[in-house]
């Protein structure tokens, strides 16, 4: 399964990288956190790690480490605006459930 990104997410990531003025791309990863067990990490990447996989989606590079890829395989990254709120949304086919606040998920 591939990693994908909506046009809105790709545009937002490209905008962030352009404003920052440097960086290879955006890292998607996981950390142990929250009441359901796992939480998403998004960070800028300036240097690749040995176990990183790079996915080019249009003009944007998404970087995922090998440990996180198992749980992120097939994920779609979206950027949504709802009223005054905006942010990235993760559409992960591997997630079996998430906590009530939506900050963490389980597989």
C-alpha atoms as a PDB file:
ATOM      1  CA  UNK A   1       0.000   0.000   0.000  1.00  0.00           C
ATOM      2  CA  UNK A   2       1.236   3.439  -0.858  1.00  0.00           C
ATOM      3  CA  UNK A   3       1.432   6.639   1.111  1.00  0.00           C
ATOM      4  CA  UNK A   4      -0.823   9.376  -0.267  1.00  0.00           C
ATOM      5  CA  UNK A   5      -1.640  13.002   0.316  1.00  0.00           C
ATOM      6  CA  UNK A   6      -4.581  15.141  -0.725  1.00  0.00           C
ATOM      7  CA  UNK A   7      -3.875  18.222  -2.861  1.00  0.00           C
ATOM      8  CA  UNK A   8      -4.742  20.421   0.156  1.00  0.00           C
ATOM      9  CA  UNK A   9      -2.159  18.636   2.327  1.00  0.00           C
ATOM     10  CA  UNK A  10       0.507  18.759  -0.389  1.00  0.00           C
ATOM     11  CA  UNK A  11      -0.056  22.480  -0.873  1.00  0.00           C
ATOM     12  CA  UNK A  12       0.180  23.129   2.882  1.00  0.00           C
ATOM     13  CA  UNK A  13       3.370  21.074   3.306  1.00  0.00           C
ATOM     14  CA  UNK A  14       4.979  22.825   0.330  1.00  0.00           C
ATOM     15  CA  UNK A  15       3.964  26.194   1.806  1.00  0.00           C
ATOM     16  CA  UNK A  16       5.512  25.289   5.183  1.00  0.00           C
ATOM     17  CA  UNK A  17       8.769  24.146   3.551  1.00  0.00           C
ATOM     18  CA  UNK A  18       8.951  27.253   1.336  1.00  0.00           C
ATOM     19  CA  UNK A  19       8.376  29.522   4.350  1.00  0.00           C
ATOM     20  CA  UNK A  20      11.012  27.647   6.326  1.00  0.00           C
ATOM     21  CA  UNK A  21      13.538  28.082   3.528  1.00  0.00           C
ATOM     22  CA  UNK A  22      15.183  24.683   3.931  1.00  0.00           C
ATOM     23  CA  UNK A  23      14.380  21.028   4.405  1.00  0.00           C
ATOM     24  CA  UNK A  24      14.110  17.830   2.403  1.00  0.00           C
ATOM     25  CA  UNK A  25      10.504  17.128   3.278  1.00  0.00           C
ATOM     26  CA  UNK A  26       8.123  16.183   6.041  1.00  0.00           C
ATOM     27  CA  UNK A  27       8.494  13.229   8.401  1.00  0.00           C
ATOM     28  CA  UNK A  28       5.477  11.183   9.411  1.00  0.00           C
ATOM     29  CA  UNK A  29       6.125   8.975  12.388  1.00  0.00           C
ATOM     30  CA  UNK A  30       4.692   7.522  15.557  1.00  0.00           C
ATOM     31  CA  UNK A  31       5.368   7.728  19.249  1.00  0.00           C
ATOM     32  CA  UNK A  32       3.926   5.867  22.194  1.00  0.00           C
ATOM     33  CA  UNK A  33       1.443   8.244  23.739  1.00  0.00           C
ATOM     34  CA  UNK A  34      -2.120   8.885  24.810  1.00  0.00           C
ATOM     35  CA  UNK A  35      -4.790   6.603  26.124  1.00  0.00           C
ATOM     36  CA  UNK A  36      -4.951   4.443  22.979  1.00  0.00           C
ATOM     37  CA  UNK A  37      -1.224   3.826  22.655  1.00  0.00           C
ATOM     38  CA  UNK A  38       0.148   5.611  19.573  1.00  0.00           C
ATOM     39  CA  UNK A  39       0.234   9.220  18.392  1.00  0.00           C
ATOM     40  CA  UNK A  40       1.324  10.742  15.090  1.00  0.00           C
ATOM     41  CA  UNK A  41       4.460  12.860  14.742  1.00  0.00           C
ATOM     42  CA  UNK A  42       4.968  15.444  12.006  1.00  0.00           C
ATOM     43  CA  UNK A  43       8.331  17.207  11.716  1.00  0.00           C
ATOM     44  CA  UNK A  44      10.567  18.810   9.137  1.00  0.00           C
ATOM     45  CA  UNK A  45      13.472  16.737   7.806  1.00  0.00           C
ATOM     46  CA  UNK A  46      16.823  18.298   7.043  1.00  0.00           C
ATOM     47  CA  UNK A  47      18.874  15.067   6.992  1.00  0.00           C
ATOM     48  CA  UNK A  48      17.791  11.513   6.228  1.00  0.00           C
ATOM     49  CA  UNK A  49      18.358   8.621   8.629  1.00  0.00           C
ATOM     50  CA  UNK A  50      19.633   5.255   7.385  1.00  0.00           C
ATOM     51  CA  UNK A  51      16.248   3.538   7.849  1.00  0.00           C
ATOM     52  CA  UNK A  52      14.154   6.284   6.208  1.00  0.00           C
ATOM     53  CA  UNK A  53      11.918   5.623   3.229  1.00  0.00           C
ATOM     54  CA  UNK A  54      11.217   8.609   0.980  1.00  0.00           C
ATOM     55  CA  UNK A  55       7.927   8.948  -0.896  1.00  0.00           C
ATOM     56  CA  UNK A  56       7.634  11.689  -3.498  1.00  0.00           C
ATOM     57  CA  UNK A  57       4.116  12.963  -3.944  1.00  0.00           C
ATOM     58  CA  UNK A  58       4.131  15.717  -6.534  1.00  0.00           C
ATOM     59  CA  UNK A  59       6.626  18.338  -5.326  1.00  0.00           C
ATOM     60  CA  UNK A  60       6.595  17.061  -1.735  1.00  0.00           C
ATOM     61  CA  UNK A  61       8.689  14.375  -0.069  1.00  0.00           C
ATOM     62  CA  UNK A  62       7.235  12.380   2.809  1.00  0.00           C
ATOM     63  CA  UNK A  63       9.792  10.551   4.930  1.00  0.00           C
ATOM     64  CA  UNK A  64       8.866   7.585   7.120  1.00  0.00           C
ATOM     65  CA  UNK A  65      11.188   5.469   9.249  1.00  0.00           C
ATOM     66  CA  UNK A  66      11.009   1.674   8.928  1.00  0.00           C
ATOM     67  CA  UNK A  67       9.436   1.093  12.377  1.00  0.00           C
ATOM     68  CA  UNK A  68       6.616   3.559  11.748  1.00  0.00           C
ATOM     69  CA  UNK A  69       5.951   2.368   8.191  1.00  0.00           C
ATOM     70  CA  UNK A  70       4.379  -0.862   9.436  1.00  0.00           C
ATOM     71  CA  UNK A  71       1.588   1.177  11.046  1.00  0.00           C
ATOM     72  CA  UNK A  72       1.433   3.951   8.426  1.00  0.00           C
ATOM     73  CA  UNK A  73       1.294   1.817   5.293  1.00  0.00           C
ATOM     74  CA  UNK A  74      -1.618   3.036   3.172  1.00  0.00           C
ATOM     75  CA  UNK A  75      -2.127   6.278   5.134  1.00  0.00           C
ATOM     76  CA  UNK A  76      -3.551   9.380   3.492  1.00  0.00           C
ATOM     77  CA  UNK A  77      -2.518  12.772   4.849  1.00  0.00           C
ATOM     78  CA  UNK A  78      -5.142  15.486   4.484  1.00  0.00           C
ATOM     79  CA  UNK A  79      -5.323  19.140   5.514  1.00  0.00           C
ATOM     80  CA  UNK A  80      -8.739  20.321   6.620  1.00  0.00           C
ATOM     81  CA  UNK A  81     -10.260  23.638   7.657  1.00  0.00           C
ATOM     82  CA  UNK A  82     -13.351  23.602   9.829  1.00  0.00           C
ATOM     83  CA  UNK A  83     -14.466  27.072  10.832  1.00  0.00           C
ATOM     84  CA  UNK A  84     -11.538  28.734  12.598  1.00  0.00           C
ATOM     85  CA  UNK A  85      -9.729  25.417  13.110  1.00  0.00           C
ATOM     86  CA  UNK A  86      -7.337  23.883  10.635  1.00  0.00           C
ATOM     87  CA  UNK A  87      -4.854  21.042  10.721  1.00  0.00           C
ATOM     88  CA  UNK A  88      -3.599  17.787   9.300  1.00  0.00           C
ATOM     89  CA  UNK A  89      -5.881  14.787   9.376  1.00  0.00           C
ATOM     90  CA  UNK A  90      -4.639  11.205   9.166  1.00  0.00           C
ATOM     91  CA  UNK A  91      -6.764   8.667   7.295  1.00  0.00           C
ATOM     92  CA  UNK A  92      -5.058   5.476   8.436  1.00  0.00           C
ATOM     93  CA  UNK A  93      -6.517   2.125   7.293  1.00  0.00           C
ATOM     94  CA  UNK A  94      -4.471   0.354   9.996  1.00  0.00           C
ATOM     95  CA  UNK A  95      -6.087   2.190  12.917  1.00  0.00           C
ATOM     96  CA  UNK A  96      -8.607  -0.018  14.726  1.00  0.00           C
ATOM     97  CA  UNK A  97      -9.775   2.697  17.098  1.00  0.00           C
ATOM     98  CA  UNK A  98      -8.869   6.031  18.645  1.00  0.00           C
ATOM     99  CA  UNK A  99      -9.300   7.692  21.988  1.00  0.00           C
ATOM    100  CA  UNK A 100     -12.202  10.039  22.676  1.00  0.00           C
ATOM    101  CA  UNK A 101     -10.111  13.181  22.218  1.00  0.00           C
ATOM    102  CA  UNK A 102      -8.663  11.928  18.911  1.00  0.00           C
ATOM    103  CA  UNK A 103      -5.040  12.410  19.978  1.00  0.00           C
ATOM    104  CA  UNK A 104      -4.027   8.748  19.861  1.00  0.00           C
ATOM    105  CA  UNK A 105      -5.009   5.498  18.162  1.00  0.00           C
ATOM    106  CA  UNK A 106      -4.585   1.750  18.394  1.00  0.00           C
ATOM    107  CA  UNK A 107      -3.821  -0.890  15.756  1.00  0.00           C
END
